[in-house]
Amino acid sequence: MHPPEFLDYTVHLLPEQAEHPVIAGLQDFDVHTEQYWLLTDPHIEVLATTTFPPDDLRDRPAVMPAVWTRSWGAGRVFVSTIGHKPDDFDVPEVRTLTERGLLWASR
């Protein structure tokens, strides 16, 4: 779903993925940007999530992947749902994980 507006939310890094080179050494962080509701692939390796709070459409919180990787044959895929406006990259964690993710996928 393409969201209707920018909003504040927290990106939660998965503790069990703390050693993954894309997020190693980073902590949870807050952003003011679009928050995406996704259909997901069971083969993705989720590195970070975001939580949609209950609202008129949802009776309970919904946790969605926000950053993930996946192997595709001999290739690598990196996805981040963060970064839809230039100032998103002013958040150091967004810039760092994006740079690391692109490097990870290029190897």
PDB file of N, CA and C in Angstrom:
ATOM      1  N   MET A   1       0.834  -1.178   0.000  1.00  0.00           N
ATOM      2  CA  MET A   1       0.000   0.000   0.000  1.00  0.00           C
ATOM      3  C   MET A   1       0.875   1.237   0.000  1.00  0.00           C
ATOM      4  N   HIS A   2       0.602   2.168  -0.865  1.00  0.00           N
ATOM      5  CA  HIS A   2       1.332   3.429  -0.849  1.00  0.00           C
ATOM      6  C   HIS A   2       0.644   4.332   0.164  1.00  0.00           C
ATOM      7  N   PRO A   3       1.377   4.764   1.188  1.00  0.00           N
ATOM      8  CA  PRO A   3       0.760   5.546   2.256  1.00  0.00           C
ATOM      9  C   PRO A   3       0.370   6.951   1.808  1.00  0.00           C
ATOM     10  N   PRO A   4      -0.618   7.530   2.473  1.00  0.00           N
ATOM     11  CA  PRO A   4      -1.109   8.844   2.058  1.00  0.00           C
ATOM     12  C   PRO A   4      -0.279  10.028   2.547  1.00  0.00           C
ATOM     13  N   GLU A   5       0.633   9.807   3.484  1.00  0.00           N
ATOM     14  CA  GLU A   5       1.349  10.943   4.051  1.00  0.00           C
ATOM     15  C   GLU A   5       2.655  10.505   4.712  1.00  0.00           C
ATOM     16  N   PHE A   6       3.483  11.476   5.049  1.00  0.00           N
ATOM     17  CA  PHE A   6       4.677  11.212   5.852  1.00  0.00           C
ATOM     18  C   PHE A   6       4.262  11.208   7.313  1.00  0.00           C
ATOM     19  N   LEU A   7       4.905  10.356   8.104  1.00  0.00           N
ATOM     20  CA  LEU A   7       4.620  10.318   9.532  1.00  0.00           C
ATOM     21  C   LEU A   7       5.847   9.872  10.298  1.00  0.00           C
ATOM     22  N   ASP A   8       5.804  10.056  11.609  1.00  0.00           N
ATOM     23  CA  ASP A   8       6.895   9.635  12.483  1.00  0.00           C
ATOM     24  C   ASP A   8       6.686   8.176  12.870  1.00  0.00           C
ATOM     25  N   TYR A   9       7.749   7.395  12.776  1.00  0.00           N
ATOM     26  CA  TYR A   9       7.697   6.015  13.262  1.00  0.00           C
ATOM     27  C   TYR A   9       9.110   5.535  13.570  1.00  0.00           C
ATOM     28  N   THR A  10       9.174   4.421  14.284  1.00  0.00           N
ATOM     29  CA  THR A  10      10.451   3.840  14.690  1.00  0.00           C
ATOM     30  C   THR A  10      10.764   2.628  13.829  1.00  0.00           C
ATOM     31  N   VAL A  11      12.024   2.517  13.433  1.00  0.00           N
ATOM     32  CA  VAL A  11      12.524   1.344  12.736  1.00  0.00           C
ATOM     33  C   VAL A  11      13.238   0.502  13.788  1.00  0.00           C
ATOM     34  N   HIS A  12      12.757  -0.733  13.948  1.00  0.00           N
ATOM     35  CA  HIS A  12      13.311  -1.651  14.951  1.00  0.00           C
ATOM     36  C   HIS A  12      14.243  -2.638  14.260  1.00  0.00           C
ATOM     37  N   LEU A  13      15.500  -2.660  14.671  1.00  0.00           N
ATOM     38  CA  LEU A  13      16.455  -3.620  14.128  1.00  0.00           C
ATOM     39  C   LEU A  13      16.300  -4.928  14.888  1.00  0.00           C
ATOM     40  N   LEU A  14      16.304  -6.031  14.181  1.00  0.00           N
ATOM     41  CA  LEU A  14      16.105  -7.324  14.829  1.00  0.00           C
ATOM     42  C   LEU A  14      17.372  -7.751  15.568  1.00  0.00           C
ATOM     43  N   PRO A  15      17.264  -7.972  16.876  1.00  0.00           N
ATOM     44  CA  PRO A  15      18.443  -8.351  17.664  1.00  0.00           C
ATOM     45  C   PRO A  15      19.144  -9.604  17.134  1.00  0.00           C
ATOM     46  N   GLU A  16      18.364 -10.550  16.622  1.00  0.00           N
ATOM     47  CA  GLU A  16      18.969 -11.783  16.117  1.00  0.00           C
ATOM     48  C   GLU A  16      19.754 -11.561  14.829  1.00  0.00           C
ATOM     49  N   GLN A  17      19.621 -10.392  14.209  1.00  0.00           N
ATOM     50  CA  GLN A  17      20.361 -10.049  13.001  1.00  0.00           C
ATOM     51  C   GLN A  17      21.476  -9.032  13.275  1.00  0.00           C
ATOM     52  N   ALA A  18      21.745  -8.767  14.542  1.00  0.00           N
ATOM     53  CA  ALA A  18      22.673  -7.697  14.933  1.00  0.00           C
ATOM     54  C   ALA A  18      24.057  -7.805  14.292  1.00  0.00           C
ATOM     55  N   GLU A  19      24.464  -8.987  13.912  1.00  0.00           N
ATOM     56  CA  GLU A  19      25.791  -9.160  13.305  1.00  0.00           C
ATOM     57  C   GLU A  19      25.776  -9.065  11.783  1.00  0.00           C
ATOM     58  N   HIS A  20      24.593  -8.930  11.204  1.00  0.00           N
ATOM     59  CA  HIS A  20      24.527  -8.819   9.743  1.00  0.00           C
ATOM     60  C   HIS A  20      25.269  -7.549   9.324  1.00  0.00           C
ATOM     61  N   PRO A  21      26.101  -7.610   8.287  1.00  0.00           N
ATOM     62  CA  PRO A  21      26.920  -6.454   7.915  1.00  0.00           C
ATOM     63  C   PRO A  21      26.131  -5.191   7.544  1.00  0.00           C
ATOM     64  N   VAL A  22      24.875  -5.320   7.171  1.00  0.00           N
ATOM     65  CA  VAL A  22      24.085  -4.136   6.819  1.00  0.00           C
ATOM     66  C   VAL A  22      23.702  -3.327   8.053  1.00  0.00           C
ATOM     67  N   ILE A  23      23.448  -3.994   9.183  1.00  0.00           N
ATOM     68  CA  ILE A  23      22.973  -3.277  10.370  1.00  0.00           C
ATOM     69  C   ILE A  23      23.888  -3.378  11.588  1.00  0.00           C
ATOM     70  N   ALA A  24      25.011  -4.087  11.464  1.00  0.00           N
ATOM     71  CA  ALA A  24      25.915  -4.275  12.609  1.00  0.00           C
ATOM     72  C   ALA A  24      26.282  -2.941  13.254  1.00  0.00           C
ATOM     73  N   GLY A  25      26.140  -2.868  14.570  1.00  0.00           N
ATOM     74  CA  GLY A  25      26.524  -1.671  15.313  1.00  0.00           C
ATOM     75  C   GLY A  25      25.469  -0.580  15.347  1.00  0.00           C
ATOM     76  N   LEU A  26      24.381  -0.731  14.590  1.00  0.00           N
ATOM     77  CA  LEU A  26      23.316   0.279  14.584  1.00  0.00           C
ATOM     78  C   LEU A  26      22.285  -0.033  15.655  1.00  0.00           C
ATOM     79  N   GLN A  27      21.502   0.958  16.024  1.00  0.00           N
ATOM     80  CA  GLN A  27      20.425   0.829  17.000  1.00  0.00           C
ATOM     81  C   GLN A  27      19.105   1.213  16.333  1.00  0.00           C
ATOM     82  N   ASP A  28      17.995   0.894  17.003  1.00  0.00           N
ATOM     83  CA  ASP A  28      16.693   1.355  16.529  1.00  0.00           C
ATOM     84  C   ASP A  28      16.752   2.860  16.324  1.00  0.00           C
ATOM     85  N   PHE A  29      15.959   3.377  15.369  1.00  0.00           N
ATOM     86  CA  PHE A  29      15.975   4.807  15.093  1.00  0.00           C
ATOM     87  C   PHE A  29      14.606   5.267  14.617  1.00  0.00           C
ATOM     88  N   ASP A  30      14.386   6.554  14.711  1.00  0.00           N
ATOM     89  CA  ASP A  30      13.123   7.164  14.303  1.00  0.00           C
ATOM     90  C   ASP A  30      13.288   7.870  12.968  1.00  0.00           C
ATOM     91  N   VAL A  31      12.227   7.853  12.181  1.00  0.00           N
ATOM     92  CA  VAL A  31      12.199   8.545  10.890  1.00  0.00           C
ATOM     93  C   VAL A  31      10.878   9.283  10.737  1.00  0.00           C
ATOM     94  N   HIS A  32      10.866  10.230   9.815  1.00  0.00           N
ATOM     95  CA  HIS A  32       9.641  10.930   9.416  1.00  0.00           C
ATOM     96  C   HIS A  32       9.553  10.786   7.901  1.00  0.00           C
ATOM     97  N   THR A  33       8.823   9.756   7.479  1.00  0.00           N
ATOM     98  CA  THR A  33       8.745   9.437   6.061  1.00  0.00           C
ATOM     99  C   THR A  33       7.531   8.556   5.816  1.00  0.00           C
ATOM    100  N   GLU A  34       7.446   7.966   4.646  1.00  0.00           N
ATOM    101  CA  GLU A  34       6.347   7.062   4.348  1.00  0.00           C
ATOM    102  C   GLU A  34       6.552   5.724   5.053  1.00  0.00           C
ATOM    103  N   GLN A  35       5.478   5.142   5.517  1.00  0.00           N
ATOM    104  CA  GLN A  35       5.503   3.829   6.159  1.00  0.00           C
ATOM    105  C   GLN A  35       4.712   2.881   5.257  1.00  0.00           C
ATOM    106  N   TYR A  36       5.351   1.790   4.839  1.00  0.00           N
ATOM    107  CA  TYR A  36       4.746   0.909   3.846  1.00  0.00           C
ATOM    108  C   TYR A  36       4.159  -0.366   4.434  1.00  0.00           C
ATOM    109  N   TRP A  37       2.962  -0.696   3.974  1.00  0.00           N
ATOM    110  CA  TRP A  37       2.304  -1.962   4.249  1.00  0.00           C
ATOM    111  C   TRP A  37       2.646  -2.872   3.074  1.00  0.00           C
ATOM    112  N   LEU A  38       3.189  -4.060   3.357  1.00  0.00           N
ATOM    113  CA  LEU A  38       3.739  -4.897   2.292  1.00  0.00           C
ATOM    114  C   LEU A  38       3.173  -6.304   2.262  1.00  0.00           C
ATOM    115  N   LEU A  39       3.194  -6.892   1.102  1.00  0.00           N
ATOM    116  CA  LEU A  39       3.088  -8.333   0.962  1.00  0.00           C
ATOM    117  C   LEU A  39       4.521  -8.829   0.943  1.00  0.00           C
ATOM    118  N   THR A  40       4.814  -9.907   1.631  1.00  0.00           N
ATOM    119  CA  THR A  40       6.205 -10.316   1.757  1.00  0.00           C
ATOM    120  C   THR A  40       6.464 -11.700   1.183  1.00  0.00           C
ATOM    121  N   ASP A  41       7.728 -11.986   1.029  1.00  0.00           N
ATOM    122  CA  ASP A  41       8.229 -13.252   0.515  1.00  0.00           C
ATOM    123  C   ASP A  41       8.769 -14.032   1.715  1.00  0.00           C
ATOM    124  N   PRO A  42       8.370 -15.286   1.912  1.00  0.00           N
ATOM    125  CA  PRO A  42       8.858 -16.041   3.067  1.00  0.00           C
ATOM    126  C   PRO A  42      10.366 -16.320   3.036  1.00  0.00           C
ATOM    127  N   HIS A  43      11.024 -16.040   1.909  1.00  0.00           N
ATOM    128  CA  HIS A  43      12.463 -16.296   1.819  1.00  0.00           C
ATOM    129  C   HIS A  43      13.320 -15.066   2.112  1.00  0.00           C
ATOM    130  N   ILE A  44      12.711 -13.962   2.491  1.00  0.00           N
ATOM    131  CA  ILE A  44      13.522 -12.791   2.810  1.00  0.00           C
ATOM    132  C   ILE A  44      14.145 -12.953   4.187  1.00  0.00           C
ATOM    133  N   GLU A  45      15.280 -12.303   4.372  1.00  0.00           N
ATOM    134  CA  GLU A  45      15.958 -12.252   5.663  1.00  0.00           C
ATOM    135  C   GLU A  45      15.708 -10.852   6.225  1.00  0.00           C
ATOM    136  N   VAL A  46      14.735 -10.751   7.126  1.00  0.00           N
ATOM    137  CA  VAL A  46      14.335  -9.460   7.670  1.00  0.00           C
ATOM    138  C   VAL A  46      15.404  -8.957   8.633  1.00  0.00           C
ATOM    139  N   LEU A  47      15.837  -7.701   8.416  1.00  0.00           N
ATOM    140  CA  LEU A  47      16.831  -7.064   9.276  1.00  0.00           C
ATOM    141  C   LEU A  47      16.205  -6.021  10.188  1.00  0.00           C
ATOM    142  N   ALA A  48      15.114  -5.398   9.744  1.00  0.00           N
ATOM    143  CA  ALA A  48      14.461  -4.349  10.525  1.00  0.00           C
ATOM    144  C   ALA A  48      12.969  -4.343  10.204  1.00  0.00           C
ATOM    145  N   THR A  49      12.186  -3.917  11.183  1.00  0.00           N
ATOM    146  CA  THR A  49      10.738  -3.857  11.032  1.00  0.00           C
ATOM    147  C   THR A  49      10.208  -2.501  11.472  1.00  0.00           C
ATOM    148  N   THR A  50       8.947  -2.257  11.144  1.00  0.00           N
ATOM    149  CA  THR A  50       8.208  -1.108  11.636  1.00  0.00           C
ATOM    150  C   THR A  50       6.828  -1.624  12.042  1.00  0.00           C
ATOM    151  N   THR A  51       6.220  -0.969  13.008  1.00  0.00           N
ATOM    152  CA  THR A  51       4.925  -1.414  13.507  1.00  0.00           C
ATOM    153  C   THR A  51       3.841  -0.397  13.195  1.00  0.00           C
ATOM    154  N   PHE A  52       2.782  -0.873  12.557  1.00  0.00           N
ATOM    155  CA  PHE A  52       1.602  -0.057  12.321  1.00  0.00           C
ATOM    156  C   PHE A  52       0.716  -0.172  13.558  1.00  0.00           C
ATOM    157  N   PRO A  53       0.333   0.933  14.149  1.00  0.00           N
ATOM    158  CA  PRO A  53      -0.532   0.870  15.330  1.00  0.00           C
ATOM    159  C   PRO A  53      -1.964   0.520  14.932  1.00  0.00           C
ATOM    160  N   PRO A  54      -2.760   0.072  15.903  1.00  0.00           N
ATOM    161  CA  PRO A  54      -4.179  -0.149  15.603  1.00  0.00           C
ATOM    162  C   PRO A  54      -4.818   1.161  15.139  1.00  0.00           C
ATOM    163  N   ASP A  55      -5.798   1.036  14.250  1.00  0.00           N
ATOM    164  CA  ASP A  55      -6.521   2.217  13.768  1.00  0.00           C
ATOM    165  C   ASP A  55      -7.902   1.773  13.292  1.00  0.00           C
ATOM    166  N   ASP A  56      -8.530   2.557  12.462  1.00  0.00           N
ATOM    167  CA  ASP A  56      -9.871   2.218  11.974  1.00  0.00           C
ATOM    168  C   ASP A  56      -9.882   0.933  11.141  1.00  0.00           C
ATOM    169  N   LEU A  57      -8.742   0.592  10.542  1.00  0.00           N
ATOM    170  CA  LEU A  57      -8.668  -0.598   9.692  1.00  0.00           C
ATOM    171  C   LEU A  57      -8.090  -1.824  10.395  1.00  0.00           C
ATOM    172  N   ARG A  58      -7.298  -1.602  11.436  1.00  0.00           N
ATOM    173  CA  ARG A  58      -6.602  -2.691  12.121  1.00  0.00           C
ATOM    174  C   ARG A  58      -6.963  -2.669  13.606  1.00  0.00           C
ATOM    175  N   ASP A  59      -7.358  -3.828  14.138  1.00  0.00           N
ATOM    176  CA  ASP A  59      -7.732  -3.890  15.544  1.00  0.00           C
ATOM    177  C   ASP A  59      -6.553  -4.181  16.473  1.00  0.00           C
ATOM    178  N   ARG A  60      -5.382  -4.421  15.885  1.00  0.00           N
ATOM    179  CA  ARG A  60      -4.174  -4.693  16.686  1.00  0.00           C
ATOM    180  C   ARG A  60      -2.952  -4.233  15.898  1.00  0.00           C
ATOM    181  N   PRO A  61      -1.808  -4.076  16.564  1.00  0.00           N
ATOM    182  CA  PRO A  61      -0.600  -3.652  15.849  1.00  0.00           C
ATOM    183  C   PRO A  61      -0.208  -4.673  14.776  1.00  0.00           C
ATOM    184  N   ALA A  62       0.423  -4.181  13.724  1.00  0.00           N
ATOM    185  CA  ALA A  62       0.904  -5.043  12.646  1.00  0.00           C
ATOM    186  C   ALA A  62       2.378  -4.745  12.406  1.00  0.00           C
ATOM    187  N   VAL A  63       3.220  -5.753  12.534  1.00  0.00           N
ATOM    188  CA  VAL A  63       4.658  -5.605  12.320  1.00  0.00           C
ATOM    189  C   VAL A  63       4.967  -5.930  10.866  1.00  0.00           C
ATOM    190  N   MET A  64       5.670  -5.004  10.194  1.00  0.00           N
ATOM    191  CA  MET A  64       6.016  -5.156   8.780  1.00  0.00           C
ATOM    192  C   MET A  64       7.527  -5.086   8.596  1.00  0.00           C
ATOM    193  N   PRO A  65       8.087  -5.863   7.670  1.00  0.00           N
ATOM    194  CA  PRO A  65       9.492  -5.689   7.326  1.00  0.00           C
ATOM    195  C   PRO A  65       9.732  -4.278   6.783  1.00  0.00           C
ATOM    196  N   ALA A  66      10.871  -3.699   7.136  1.00  0.00           N
ATOM    197  CA  ALA A  66      11.257  -2.387   6.615  1.00  0.00           C
ATOM    198  C   ALA A  66      12.590  -2.464   5.863  1.00  0.00           C
ATOM    199  N   VAL A  67      13.444  -3.398   6.269  1.00  0.00           N
ATOM    200  CA  VAL A  67      14.751  -3.600   5.623  1.00  0.00           C
ATOM    201  C   VAL A  67      14.985  -5.101   5.574  1.00  0.00           C
ATOM    202  N   TRP A  68      15.385  -5.610   4.400  1.00  0.00           N
ATOM    203  CA  TRP A  68      15.660  -7.027   4.309  1.00  0.00           C
ATOM    204  C   TRP A  68      16.627  -7.317   3.180  1.00  0.00           C
ATOM    205  N   THR A  69      17.127  -8.554   3.190  1.00  0.00           N
ATOM    206  CA  THR A  69      17.984  -9.058   2.121  1.00  0.00           C
ATOM    207  C   THR A  69      17.389 -10.377   1.631  1.00  0.00           C
ATOM    208  N   ARG A  70      17.888 -10.798   0.487  1.00  0.00           N
ATOM    209  CA  ARG A  70      17.463 -12.077  -0.073  1.00  0.00           C
ATOM    210  C   ARG A  70      18.483 -12.504  -1.111  1.00  0.00           C
ATOM    211  N   SER A  71      18.728 -13.790  -1.142  1.00  0.00           N
ATOM    212  CA  SER A  71      19.545 -14.341  -2.224  1.00  0.00           C
ATOM    213  C   SER A  71      18.619 -14.682  -3.382  1.00  0.00           C
ATOM    214  N   TRP A  72      19.129 -14.508  -4.599  1.00  0.00           N
ATOM    215  CA  TRP A  72      18.365 -14.846  -5.806  1.00  0.00           C
ATOM    216  C   TRP A  72      19.343 -15.509  -6.759  1.00  0.00           C
ATOM    217  N   GLY A  73      19.359 -16.825  -6.747  1.00  0.00           N
ATOM    218  CA  GLY A  73      20.370 -17.555  -7.508  1.00  0.00           C
ATOM    219  C   GLY A  73      21.741 -17.178  -6.965  1.00  0.00           C
ATOM    220  N   ALA A  74      22.637 -16.732  -7.857  1.00  0.00           N
ATOM    221  CA  ALA A  74      23.961 -16.288  -7.428  1.00  0.00           C
ATOM    222  C   ALA A  74      23.956 -14.815  -7.032  1.00  0.00           C
ATOM    223  N   GLY A  75      22.815 -14.158  -7.163  1.00  0.00           N
ATOM    224  CA  GLY A  75      22.732 -12.733  -6.866  1.00  0.00           C
ATOM    225  C   GLY A  75      22.236 -12.446  -5.457  1.00  0.00           C
ATOM    226  N   ARG A  76      22.339 -11.181  -5.095  1.00  0.00           N
ATOM    227  CA  ARG A  76      21.883 -10.698  -3.791  1.00  0.00           C
ATOM    228  C   ARG A  76      20.944  -9.522  -3.993  1.00  0.00           C
ATOM    229  N   VAL A  77      19.917  -9.457  -3.151  1.00  0.00           N
ATOM    230  CA  VAL A  77      18.943  -8.380  -3.209  1.00  0.00           C
ATOM    231  C   VAL A  77      18.922  -7.685  -1.855  1.00  0.00           C
ATOM    232  N   PHE A  78      18.960  -6.364  -1.867  1.00  0.00           N
ATOM    233  CA  PHE A  78      18.810  -5.549  -0.657  1.00  0.00           C
ATOM    234  C   PHE A  78      17.607  -4.645  -0.860  1.00  0.00           C
ATOM    235  N   VAL A  79      16.731  -4.575   0.150  1.00  0.00           N
ATOM    236  CA  VAL A  79      15.543  -3.730   0.070  1.00  0.00           C
ATOM    237  C   VAL A  79      15.417  -2.922   1.349  1.00  0.00           C
ATOM    238  N   SER A  80      15.141  -1.646   1.188  1.00  0.00           N
ATOM    239  CA  SER A  80      14.795  -0.768   2.306  1.00  0.00           C
ATOM    240  C   SER A  80      13.570   0.028   1.888  1.00  0.00           C
ATOM    241  N   THR A  81      12.559   0.044   2.740  1.00  0.00           N
ATOM    242  CA  THR A  81      11.366   0.831   2.447  1.00  0.00           C
ATOM    243  C   THR A  81      11.529   2.269   2.901  1.00  0.00           C
ATOM    244  N   ILE A  82      12.692   2.605   3.403  1.00  0.00           N
ATOM    245  CA  ILE A  82      12.981   3.959   3.895  1.00  0.00           C
ATOM    246  C   ILE A  82      13.775   4.700   2.822  1.00  0.00           C
ATOM    247  N   GLY A  83      13.483   5.976   2.645  1.00  0.00           N
ATOM    248  CA  GLY A  83      14.271   6.764   1.703  1.00  0.00           C
ATOM    249  C   GLY A  83      13.472   7.277   0.533  1.00  0.00           C
ATOM    250  N   HIS A  84      12.355   7.889   0.791  1.00  0.00           N
ATOM    251  CA  HIS A  84      11.495   8.379  -0.279  1.00  0.00           C
ATOM    252  C   HIS A  84      11.596   9.872  -0.513  1.00  0.00           C
ATOM    253  N   LYS A  85      12.386  10.522   0.324  1.00  0.00           N
ATOM    254  CA  LYS A  85      12.631  11.950   0.129  1.00  0.00           C
ATOM    255  C   LYS A  85      14.071  12.213   0.554  1.00  0.00           C
ATOM    256  N   PRO A  86      14.720  13.175  -0.049  1.00  0.00           N
ATOM    257  CA  PRO A  86      16.153  13.369   0.198  1.00  0.00           C
ATOM    258  C   PRO A  86      16.537  13.507   1.662  1.00  0.00           C
ATOM    259  N   ASP A  87      15.727  14.198   2.470  1.00  0.00           N
ATOM    260  CA  ASP A  87      16.148  14.404   3.858  1.00  0.00           C
ATOM    261  C   ASP A  87      16.018  13.140   4.709  1.00  0.00           C
ATOM    262  N   ASP A  88      15.431  12.055   4.179  1.00  0.00           N
ATOM    263  CA  ASP A  88      15.464  10.781   4.906  1.00  0.00           C
ATOM    264  C   ASP A  88      16.913  10.355   5.152  1.00  0.00           C
ATOM    265  N   PHE A  89      17.787  10.704   4.209  1.00  0.00           N
ATOM    266  CA  PHE A  89      19.190  10.302   4.319  1.00  0.00           C
ATOM    267  C   PHE A  89      19.986  11.198   5.259  1.00  0.00           C
ATOM    268  N   ASP A  90      19.344  12.217   5.838  1.00  0.00           N
ATOM    269  CA  ASP A  90      19.971  13.011   6.897  1.00  0.00           C
ATOM    270  C   ASP A  90      19.993  12.244   8.211  1.00  0.00           C
ATOM    271  N   VAL A  91      19.170  11.199   8.319  1.00  0.00           N
ATOM    272  CA  VAL A  91      19.193  10.316   9.489  1.00  0.00           C
ATOM    273  C   VAL A  91      20.388   9.393   9.295  1.00  0.00           C
ATOM    274  N   PRO A  92      21.400   9.489  10.174  1.00  0.00           N
ATOM    275  CA  PRO A  92      22.630   8.720   9.950  1.00  0.00           C
ATOM    276  C   PRO A  92      22.407   7.221   9.747  1.00  0.00           C
ATOM    277  N   GLU A  93      21.479   6.632  10.486  1.00  0.00           N
ATOM    278  CA  GLU A  93      21.238   5.199  10.356  1.00  0.00           C
ATOM    279  C   GLU A  93      20.668   4.846   8.983  1.00  0.00           C
ATOM    280  N   VAL A  94      19.828   5.699   8.436  1.00  0.00           N
ATOM    281  CA  VAL A  94      19.257   5.446   7.108  1.00  0.00           C
ATOM    282  C   VAL A  94      20.363   5.467   6.066  1.00  0.00           C
ATOM    283  N   ARG A  95      21.190   6.477   6.135  1.00  0.00           N
ATOM    284  CA  ARG A  95      22.291   6.580   5.179  1.00  0.00           C
ATOM    285  C   ARG A  95      23.249   5.391   5.306  1.00  0.00           C
ATOM    286  N   THR A  96      23.608   5.048   6.540  1.00  0.00           N
ATOM    287  CA  THR A  96      24.555   3.959   6.763  1.00  0.00           C
ATOM    288  C   THR A  96      24.001   2.630   6.275  1.00  0.00           C
ATOM    289  N   LEU A  97      22.774   2.290   6.672  1.00  0.00           N
ATOM    290  CA  LEU A  97      22.260   0.983   6.246  1.00  0.00           C
ATOM    291  C   LEU A  97      22.008   0.939   4.747  1.00  0.00           C
ATOM    292  N   THR A  98      21.672   2.054   4.132  1.00  0.00           N
ATOM    293  CA  THR A  98      21.490   2.079   2.675  1.00  0.00           C
ATOM    294  C   THR A  98      22.827   1.855   1.968  1.00  0.00           C
ATOM    295  N   GLU A  99      23.856   2.572   2.409  1.00  0.00           N
ATOM    296  CA  GLU A  99      25.185   2.384   1.811  1.00  0.00           C
ATOM    297  C   GLU A  99      25.658   0.945   1.990  1.00  0.00           C
ATOM    298  N   ARG A 100      25.539   0.419   3.210  1.00  0.00           N
ATOM    299  CA  ARG A 100      25.976  -0.945   3.486  1.00  0.00           C
ATOM    300  C   ARG A 100      25.162  -1.959   2.674  1.00  0.00           C
ATOM    301  N   GLY A 101      23.855  -1.727   2.584  1.00  0.00           N
ATOM    302  CA  GLY A 101      23.008  -2.655   1.837  1.00  0.00           C
ATOM    303  C   GLY A 101      23.375  -2.715   0.376  1.00  0.00           C
ATOM    304  N   LEU A 102      23.629  -1.558  -0.222  1.00  0.00           N
ATOM    305  CA  LEU A 102      24.015  -1.524  -1.631  1.00  0.00           C
ATOM    306  C   LEU A 102      25.362  -2.202  -1.837  1.00  0.00           C
ATOM    307  N   LEU A 103      26.298  -1.974  -0.924  1.00  0.00           N
ATOM    308  CA  LEU A 103      27.597  -2.652  -1.019  1.00  0.00           C
ATOM    309  C   LEU A 103      27.436  -4.160  -0.840  1.00  0.00           C
ATOM    310  N   TRP A 104      26.641  -4.573   0.142  1.00  0.00           N
ATOM    311  CA  TRP A 104      26.405  -5.997   0.389  1.00  0.00           C
ATOM    312  C   TRP A 104      25.849  -6.668  -0.865  1.00  0.00           C
ATOM    313  N   ALA A 105      24.862  -6.026  -1.489  1.00  0.00           N
ATOM    314  CA  ALA A 105      24.217  -6.625  -2.665  1.00  0.00           C
ATOM    315  C   ALA A 105      25.152  -6.667  -3.873  1.00  0.00           C
ATOM    316  N   SER A 106      26.141  -5.788  -3.928  1.00  0.00           N
ATOM    317  CA  SER A 106      27.033  -5.723  -5.082  1.00  0.00           C
ATOM    318  C   SER A 106      28.144  -6.766  -5.034  1.00  0.00           C
ATOM    319  N   ARG A 107      28.259  -7.454  -3.954  1.00  0.00           N
ATOM    320  CA  ARG A 107      29.364  -8.448  -3.822  1.00  0.00           C
ATOM    321  C   ARG A 107      28.933  -9.825  -4.222  1.00  0.00           C
TER     322      ARG A 107
END
